[in-house]
Each structure stands twice: as structure tokens, then as C-alpha cells.
């Protein structure tokens, strides 16, 4: 029984890396200044245990004058929404809603 548990844990630790490789790669950061790339790391299940925003998502928000903490919070909220798993239009609507309610604080 102990061997089975150790094997299951080793498999669980190796799955997130392979799940990340299976996802579409994000666009090159800054390649289109008017586009926000919603890019989230997804774990191997539909649960949002490991889900987090990829750097390109946060950097796109920072480029639009959000502070880094604001961008991190918005991207984190979008990526960790369990209803957004496999639903890109839902993620887009969530992001637009959050951006409408949260104006950028960074003044240039």
C-alpha cells in the first residue's frame, strides 16, 4: 500500500510539467501592445489547485499601466476561477469585468 501511495505521488508531481507542455504557448510579450494575452498555468485536473497566471499575462496588464500588485491580483483572480477552466470566453469576460471595476493606479 505504501508503495502505491509513493508511486501515485511521483506521478502527480510529474504531471504538471507535462500538462504545461501540452498547452498553447503564449504570444511573445509586447508583440502586440493592444492585446492582453490571458495565459494561465493549468494543473493536470480541472481543479484549480496549481493554477496561476503566466508572466506574459501579468506583463500585458502592467504595460496597460496597472501596478504589478494590481496586475498580479487581477490575473490571479482570472486564472483561479474554477468556472474558467476550458472556457476562454468566460475568462475574457471575467478579465474585462475586473478591468472595468479596477482602473489602473500607475500614473505615467
C-alpha atoms as a PDB file:
ATOM      1  CA  UNK A   1       0.000   0.000   0.000  1.00  0.00           C
ATOM      2  CA  UNK A   2       2.830   2.375   0.867  1.00  0.00           C
ATOM      3  CA  UNK A   3       4.496   1.659  -2.497  1.00  0.00           C
ATOM      4  CA  UNK A   4       1.244   2.502  -4.300  1.00  0.00           C
ATOM      5  CA  UNK A   5       0.985   5.825  -2.459  1.00  0.00           C
ATOM      6  CA  UNK A   6       4.590   6.719  -3.317  1.00  0.00           C
ATOM      7  CA  UNK A   7       4.024   5.828  -6.985  1.00  0.00           C
ATOM      8  CA  UNK A   8       0.855   7.937  -7.109  1.00  0.00           C
ATOM      9  CA  UNK A   9       2.694  10.881  -5.544  1.00  0.00           C
ATOM     10  CA  UNK A  10       5.560  10.606  -8.053  1.00  0.00           C
ATOM     11  CA  UNK A  11       3.050  10.532 -10.916  1.00  0.00           C
ATOM     12  CA  UNK A  12       1.210  13.559  -9.539  1.00  0.00           C
ATOM     13  CA  UNK A  13       4.469  15.515  -9.331  1.00  0.00           C
ATOM     14  CA  UNK A  14       5.405  14.692 -12.927  1.00  0.00           C
ATOM     15  CA  UNK A  15       2.001  15.587 -14.442  1.00  0.00           C
ATOM     16  CA  UNK A  16       2.059  19.384 -14.040  1.00  0.00           C
ATOM     17  CA  UNK A  17       5.156  19.703 -16.234  1.00  0.00           C
ATOM     18  CA  UNK A  18       3.637  17.600 -18.998  1.00  0.00           C
ATOM     19  CA  UNK A  19       0.340  19.493 -18.720  1.00  0.00           C
ATOM     20  CA  UNK A  20       2.201  22.773 -19.207  1.00  0.00           C
ATOM     21  CA  UNK A  21       3.883  21.434 -22.340  1.00  0.00           C
ATOM     22  CA  UNK A  22       0.518  20.433 -23.813  1.00  0.00           C
ATOM     23  CA  UNK A  23      -0.894  23.958 -23.567  1.00  0.00           C
ATOM     24  CA  UNK A  24      -0.646  26.511 -26.358  1.00  0.00           C
ATOM     25  CA  UNK A  25       2.337  28.771 -25.900  1.00  0.00           C
ATOM     26  CA  UNK A  26       1.524  32.439 -25.264  1.00  0.00           C
ATOM     27  CA  UNK A  27       2.320  35.134 -27.785  1.00  0.00           C
ATOM     28  CA  UNK A  28       5.645  36.887 -27.469  1.00  0.00           C
ATOM     29  CA  UNK A  29       5.392  39.532 -24.708  1.00  0.00           C
ATOM     30  CA  UNK A  30       4.923  43.022 -26.086  1.00  0.00           C
ATOM     31  CA  UNK A  31       4.427  41.812 -29.652  1.00  0.00           C
ATOM     32  CA  UNK A  32       1.026  43.489 -29.872  1.00  0.00           C
ATOM     33  CA  UNK A  33       0.560  46.427 -27.479  1.00  0.00           C
ATOM     34  CA  UNK A  34      -3.231  46.418 -27.744  1.00  0.00           C
ATOM     35  CA  UNK A  35      -3.706  42.730 -26.877  1.00  0.00           C
ATOM     36  CA  UNK A  36      -3.774  41.150 -23.430  1.00  0.00           C
ATOM     37  CA  UNK A  37      -2.690  37.529 -23.521  1.00  0.00           C
ATOM     38  CA  UNK A  38      -4.740  35.574 -20.980  1.00  0.00           C
ATOM     39  CA  UNK A  39      -2.251  32.851 -20.181  1.00  0.00           C
ATOM     40  CA  UNK A  40      -2.698  30.585 -17.168  1.00  0.00           C
ATOM     41  CA  UNK A  41      -0.757  27.570 -15.991  1.00  0.00           C
ATOM     42  CA  UNK A  42      -3.278  24.786 -15.507  1.00  0.00           C
ATOM     43  CA  UNK A  43      -2.630  21.697 -13.434  1.00  0.00           C
ATOM     44  CA  UNK A  44      -3.455  18.209 -14.683  1.00  0.00           C
ATOM     45  CA  UNK A  45      -7.028  18.298 -13.357  1.00  0.00           C
ATOM     46  CA  UNK A  46      -9.998  20.615 -13.669  1.00  0.00           C
ATOM     47  CA  UNK A  47      -9.450  21.630 -10.028  1.00  0.00           C
ATOM     48  CA  UNK A  48      -7.612  24.933  -9.616  1.00  0.00           C
ATOM     49  CA  UNK A  49      -5.015  23.598  -7.182  1.00  0.00           C
ATOM     50  CA  UNK A  50      -1.907  24.695  -9.152  1.00  0.00           C
ATOM     51  CA  UNK A  51      -3.471  27.310 -11.389  1.00  0.00           C
ATOM     52  CA  UNK A  52      -1.677  30.633 -11.652  1.00  0.00           C
ATOM     53  CA  UNK A  53      -1.094  33.350 -14.243  1.00  0.00           C
ATOM     54  CA  UNK A  54       1.871  33.112 -16.577  1.00  0.00           C
ATOM     55  CA  UNK A  55       4.255  36.065 -16.726  1.00  0.00           C
ATOM     56  CA  UNK A  56       3.057  37.256 -20.144  1.00  0.00           C
ATOM     57  CA  UNK A  57      -0.451  37.826 -18.719  1.00  0.00           C
ATOM     58  CA  UNK A  58       0.841  39.943 -15.827  1.00  0.00           C
ATOM     59  CA  UNK A  59       3.272  41.869 -18.063  1.00  0.00           C
ATOM     60  CA  UNK A  60       0.488  42.726 -20.524  1.00  0.00           C
ATOM     61  CA  UNK A  61      -1.545  44.228 -17.671  1.00  0.00           C
ATOM     62  CA  UNK A  62       1.491  46.159 -16.379  1.00  0.00           C
ATOM     63  CA  UNK A  63       2.020  47.527 -19.908  1.00  0.00           C
ATOM     64  CA  UNK A  64      -1.524  48.938 -19.679  1.00  0.00           C
ATOM     65  CA  UNK A  65      -0.479  50.987 -16.600  1.00  0.00           C
ATOM     66  CA  UNK A  66      -1.578  48.591 -13.876  1.00  0.00           C
ATOM     67  CA  UNK A  67       0.817  48.352 -10.962  1.00  0.00           C
ATOM     68  CA  UNK A  68       2.484  44.985 -10.546  1.00  0.00           C
ATOM     69  CA  UNK A  69       0.378  44.131  -7.426  1.00  0.00           C
ATOM     70  CA  UNK A  70      -2.818  45.110  -9.280  1.00  0.00           C
ATOM     71  CA  UNK A  71      -1.837  43.087 -12.353  1.00  0.00           C
ATOM     72  CA  UNK A  72      -0.930  40.088 -10.197  1.00  0.00           C
ATOM     73  CA  UNK A  73      -4.237  40.262  -8.311  1.00  0.00           C
ATOM     74  CA  UNK A  74      -6.344  40.584 -11.476  1.00  0.00           C
ATOM     75  CA  UNK A  75      -4.506  37.797 -13.300  1.00  0.00           C
ATOM     76  CA  UNK A  76      -4.635  35.566 -10.215  1.00  0.00           C
ATOM     77  CA  UNK A  77      -8.401  36.100  -9.929  1.00  0.00           C
ATOM     78  CA  UNK A  78      -8.946  35.256 -13.606  1.00  0.00           C
ATOM     79  CA  UNK A  79      -6.745  32.154 -13.596  1.00  0.00           C
ATOM     80  CA  UNK A  80      -8.039  30.718 -10.332  1.00  0.00           C
ATOM     81  CA  UNK A  81     -11.714  30.915 -11.301  1.00  0.00           C
ATOM     82  CA  UNK A  82     -12.898  27.306 -11.498  1.00  0.00           C
ATOM     83  CA  UNK A  83     -15.615  28.225 -13.991  1.00  0.00           C
ATOM     84  CA  UNK A  84     -12.979  29.441 -16.450  1.00  0.00           C
ATOM     85  CA  UNK A  85     -11.295  26.066 -16.919  1.00  0.00           C
ATOM     86  CA  UNK A  86     -11.612  25.299 -20.621  1.00  0.00           C
ATOM     87  CA  UNK A  87     -13.841  28.370 -21.148  1.00  0.00           C
ATOM     88  CA  UNK A  88     -11.808  31.112 -22.879  1.00  0.00           C
ATOM     89  CA  UNK A  89     -14.824  33.383 -23.419  1.00  0.00           C
ATOM     90  CA  UNK A  90     -15.634  33.223 -19.711  1.00  0.00           C
ATOM     91  CA  UNK A  91     -12.017  34.152 -18.887  1.00  0.00           C
ATOM     92  CA  UNK A  92     -12.206  37.073 -21.310  1.00  0.00           C
ATOM     93  CA  UNK A  93     -15.483  38.317 -19.818  1.00  0.00           C
ATOM     94  CA  UNK A  94     -14.087  37.991 -16.292  1.00  0.00           C
ATOM     95  CA  UNK A  95     -10.978  39.964 -17.235  1.00  0.00           C
ATOM     96  CA  UNK A  96     -12.973  42.741 -18.903  1.00  0.00           C
ATOM     97  CA  UNK A  97     -15.287  42.951 -15.877  1.00  0.00           C
ATOM     98  CA  UNK A  98     -12.339  43.205 -13.471  1.00  0.00           C
ATOM     99  CA  UNK A  99     -10.632  45.833 -15.627  1.00  0.00           C
ATOM    100  CA  UNK A 100     -13.819  47.909 -15.762  1.00  0.00           C
ATOM    101  CA  UNK A 101     -14.127  47.808 -11.957  1.00  0.00           C
ATOM    102  CA  UNK A 102     -10.407  48.318 -11.287  1.00  0.00           C
ATOM    103  CA  UNK A 103      -8.807  51.253 -13.094  1.00  0.00           C
ATOM    104  CA  UNK A 104      -5.004  51.323 -13.337  1.00  0.00           C
ATOM    105  CA  UNK A 105      -3.277  53.100 -10.439  1.00  0.00           C
ATOM    106  CA  UNK A 106       0.070  53.523 -12.138  1.00  0.00           C
ATOM    107  CA  UNK A 107       0.500  57.088 -13.432  1.00  0.00           C
ATOM    108  CA  UNK A 108       2.966  57.664 -16.267  1.00  0.00           C
END
